[in-house]
């Protein structure tokens, strides 16, 4: 990682600082289904909150739990 104090600045050092998206909690995804679930049909809608796990891991864990491969 670069130490910013050691850099040469074209217009002087920045007046402020910040930290962007440093933790998993900083990333929030809310899916837009494009329809309102009505409770009818042969599918099950799950709302899954995951933290620190990638989508592939969660999908594999669900498949294992449901005994589908």
N, C-alpha and C. Protein backbone atom coordinates (compact mmCIF):
# COMPACT_ATOMS: atom_id res chain seq x y z
N UNK A 1 0.85 -1.18 0.00
CA UNK A 1 0.00 0.00 0.00
C UNK A 1 0.89 1.24 0.00
N UNK A 2 0.49 2.26 -0.73
CA UNK A 2 1.26 3.49 -0.83
C UNK A 2 1.02 4.38 0.38
N UNK A 3 2.09 4.92 0.91
CA UNK A 3 1.96 5.91 1.98
C UNK A 3 1.74 7.27 1.32
N UNK A 4 0.56 7.83 1.46
CA UNK A 4 0.22 9.08 0.77
C UNK A 4 1.03 10.27 1.27
N UNK A 5 1.54 10.21 2.48
CA UNK A 5 2.36 11.32 2.98
C UNK A 5 3.66 11.44 2.20
N UNK A 6 4.10 10.37 1.55
CA UNK A 6 5.37 10.38 0.83
C UNK A 6 5.21 10.75 -0.65
N UNK A 7 4.00 11.02 -1.10
CA UNK A 7 3.77 11.37 -2.50
C UNK A 7 3.98 12.86 -2.74
N UNK A 8 4.27 13.19 -4.00
CA UNK A 8 4.36 14.59 -4.42
C UNK A 8 3.00 14.97 -5.00
N UNK A 9 2.43 16.09 -4.52
CA UNK A 9 1.10 16.50 -4.93
C UNK A 9 1.19 17.69 -5.88
N UNK A 10 0.49 17.63 -7.02
CA UNK A 10 0.50 18.70 -8.01
C UNK A 10 -0.08 19.99 -7.45
N UNK A 11 -1.15 19.90 -6.68
CA UNK A 11 -1.83 21.09 -6.14
C UNK A 11 -1.78 21.12 -4.62
N UNK A 12 -0.78 20.54 -4.01
CA UNK A 12 -0.69 20.48 -2.55
C UNK A 12 -1.47 19.29 -2.02
N UNK A 13 -1.27 19.01 -0.75
CA UNK A 13 -1.95 17.86 -0.14
C UNK A 13 -3.46 18.08 -0.10
N UNK A 14 -4.23 17.01 -0.22
CA UNK A 14 -5.70 17.14 -0.15
C UNK A 14 -6.14 17.77 1.17
N UNK A 15 -7.23 18.50 1.12
CA UNK A 15 -7.76 19.16 2.31
C UNK A 15 -8.50 18.20 3.23
N UNK A 16 -8.96 17.11 2.70
CA UNK A 16 -9.72 16.15 3.51
C UNK A 16 -9.25 14.74 3.21
N UNK A 17 -9.84 13.83 3.90
CA UNK A 17 -9.51 12.42 3.65
C UNK A 17 -10.77 11.59 3.84
N UNK A 18 -10.71 10.36 3.45
CA UNK A 18 -11.86 9.48 3.60
C UNK A 18 -11.46 8.04 3.37
N UNK A 19 -12.37 7.17 3.68
CA UNK A 19 -12.17 5.75 3.49
C UNK A 19 -13.43 5.21 2.84
N UNK A 20 -13.30 4.61 1.68
CA UNK A 20 -14.45 4.14 0.94
C UNK A 20 -14.54 2.62 0.96
N UNK A 21 -15.70 2.11 1.28
CA UNK A 21 -15.99 0.69 1.21
C UNK A 21 -14.85 -0.16 1.76
N UNK A 22 -14.62 -0.03 3.05
CA UNK A 22 -13.52 -0.73 3.69
C UNK A 22 -13.95 -2.04 4.34
N UNK A 23 -15.23 -2.22 4.60
CA UNK A 23 -15.73 -3.39 5.30
C UNK A 23 -16.85 -4.05 4.52
N UNK A 24 -17.08 -5.35 4.73
CA UNK A 24 -18.20 -6.01 4.05
C UNK A 24 -19.53 -5.31 4.29
N UNK A 25 -19.71 -4.71 5.46
CA UNK A 25 -20.96 -4.02 5.79
C UNK A 25 -21.19 -2.80 4.90
N UNK A 26 -20.14 -2.32 4.24
CA UNK A 26 -20.26 -1.15 3.37
C UNK A 26 -20.96 -1.49 2.06
N UNK A 27 -21.05 -2.76 1.72
CA UNK A 27 -21.64 -3.19 0.46
C UNK A 27 -23.04 -3.73 0.73
N UNK A 28 -24.04 -3.04 0.23
CA UNK A 28 -25.43 -3.46 0.41
C UNK A 28 -26.06 -3.63 -0.97
N UNK A 29 -26.65 -4.78 -1.22
CA UNK A 29 -27.32 -5.05 -2.49
C UNK A 29 -28.77 -5.38 -2.18
N UNK A 30 -29.69 -4.67 -2.79
CA UNK A 30 -31.11 -4.96 -2.68
C UNK A 30 -31.58 -5.29 -4.09
N UNK A 31 -32.00 -6.53 -4.29
CA UNK A 31 -32.42 -6.98 -5.61
C UNK A 31 -33.80 -6.42 -5.96
N UNK A 32 -33.96 -5.97 -7.19
CA UNK A 32 -35.25 -5.55 -7.72
C UNK A 32 -35.77 -6.68 -8.58
N UNK A 33 -36.78 -7.39 -8.10
CA UNK A 33 -37.30 -8.56 -8.80
C UNK A 33 -38.08 -8.20 -10.06
N UNK A 34 -38.62 -7.01 -10.10
CA UNK A 34 -39.44 -6.63 -11.25
C UNK A 34 -40.88 -7.08 -11.13
N UNK A 35 -41.22 -7.71 -10.01
CA UNK A 35 -42.59 -8.14 -9.75
C UNK A 35 -42.77 -8.23 -8.24
N UNK A 36 -44.02 -8.28 -7.81
CA UNK A 36 -44.33 -8.43 -6.40
C UNK A 36 -44.72 -9.87 -6.13
N UNK A 37 -43.98 -10.58 -5.27
CA UNK A 37 -44.33 -11.96 -4.96
C UNK A 37 -45.75 -12.03 -4.38
N UNK A 38 -46.54 -12.99 -4.88
CA UNK A 38 -47.93 -13.08 -4.42
C UNK A 38 -48.22 -14.36 -3.63
N UNK A 39 -47.18 -15.20 -3.42
CA UNK A 39 -47.40 -16.42 -2.65
C UNK A 39 -47.97 -17.56 -3.45
N UNK A 40 -48.17 -17.36 -4.74
CA UNK A 40 -48.72 -18.40 -5.60
C UNK A 40 -47.61 -19.01 -6.45
N UNK A 41 -47.83 -20.23 -6.88
CA UNK A 41 -46.88 -20.88 -7.78
C UNK A 41 -46.04 -21.93 -7.08
N UNK A 42 -45.15 -22.54 -7.84
CA UNK A 42 -44.39 -23.67 -7.34
C UNK A 42 -43.00 -23.29 -6.81
N UNK A 43 -42.67 -22.03 -6.81
CA UNK A 43 -41.35 -21.59 -6.38
C UNK A 43 -41.37 -21.06 -4.95
N UNK A 44 -40.22 -21.06 -4.33
CA UNK A 44 -40.06 -20.51 -2.98
C UNK A 44 -39.14 -19.30 -3.09
N UNK A 45 -39.54 -18.21 -2.50
CA UNK A 45 -38.73 -17.00 -2.48
C UNK A 45 -38.02 -16.93 -1.14
N UNK A 46 -36.70 -16.82 -1.18
CA UNK A 46 -35.91 -16.71 0.04
C UNK A 46 -35.29 -15.33 0.11
N UNK A 47 -35.26 -14.77 1.29
CA UNK A 47 -34.50 -13.54 1.51
C UNK A 47 -33.28 -13.96 2.31
N UNK A 48 -32.12 -13.76 1.75
CA UNK A 48 -30.88 -14.21 2.37
C UNK A 48 -30.01 -13.01 2.69
N UNK A 49 -29.63 -12.89 3.94
CA UNK A 49 -28.68 -11.87 4.36
C UNK A 49 -27.36 -12.59 4.59
N UNK A 50 -26.33 -12.14 3.90
CA UNK A 50 -25.04 -12.80 4.05
C UNK A 50 -23.99 -11.74 4.36
N UNK A 51 -23.02 -12.14 5.16
CA UNK A 51 -21.96 -11.23 5.56
C UNK A 51 -20.66 -12.03 5.58
N UNK A 52 -19.71 -11.61 4.79
CA UNK A 52 -18.42 -12.27 4.77
C UNK A 52 -18.39 -13.56 3.96
N UNK A 53 -19.46 -13.84 3.21
CA UNK A 53 -19.52 -15.04 2.37
C UNK A 53 -19.81 -14.60 0.94
N UNK A 54 -19.17 -15.26 -0.01
CA UNK A 54 -19.47 -14.92 -1.40
C UNK A 54 -20.69 -15.70 -1.88
N UNK A 55 -21.23 -15.29 -3.00
CA UNK A 55 -22.46 -15.87 -3.51
C UNK A 55 -22.30 -17.36 -3.82
N UNK A 56 -21.17 -17.75 -4.38
CA UNK A 56 -20.94 -19.16 -4.70
C UNK A 56 -20.99 -20.02 -3.45
N UNK A 57 -20.37 -19.57 -2.36
CA UNK A 57 -20.37 -20.31 -1.10
C UNK A 57 -21.80 -20.48 -0.59
N UNK A 58 -22.58 -19.40 -0.61
CA UNK A 58 -23.95 -19.46 -0.11
C UNK A 58 -24.81 -20.36 -0.99
N UNK A 59 -24.65 -20.27 -2.30
CA UNK A 59 -25.41 -21.13 -3.21
C UNK A 59 -25.07 -22.60 -2.98
N UNK A 60 -23.79 -22.91 -2.80
CA UNK A 60 -23.38 -24.29 -2.53
C UNK A 60 -23.93 -24.78 -1.19
N UNK A 61 -23.91 -23.92 -0.17
CA UNK A 61 -24.43 -24.30 1.14
C UNK A 61 -25.94 -24.56 1.08
N UNK A 62 -26.67 -23.73 0.34
CA UNK A 62 -28.11 -23.94 0.17
C UNK A 62 -28.39 -25.25 -0.57
N UNK A 63 -27.64 -25.51 -1.63
CA UNK A 63 -27.82 -26.75 -2.39
C UNK A 63 -27.55 -27.97 -1.52
N UNK A 64 -26.52 -27.89 -0.71
CA UNK A 64 -26.19 -29.01 0.19
C UNK A 64 -27.30 -29.21 1.22
N UNK A 65 -27.77 -28.12 1.82
CA UNK A 65 -28.83 -28.18 2.82
C UNK A 65 -30.11 -28.77 2.23
N UNK A 66 -30.43 -28.36 1.00
CA UNK A 66 -31.66 -28.82 0.34
C UNK A 66 -31.48 -30.15 -0.38
N UNK A 67 -30.26 -30.67 -0.34
CA UNK A 67 -29.92 -31.95 -0.98
C UNK A 67 -30.20 -31.92 -2.48
N UNK A 68 -29.80 -30.81 -3.11
CA UNK A 68 -29.87 -30.71 -4.57
C UNK A 68 -28.46 -30.42 -5.08
N UNK A 69 -28.13 -30.96 -6.21
CA UNK A 69 -26.76 -30.79 -6.71
C UNK A 69 -26.77 -30.23 -8.09
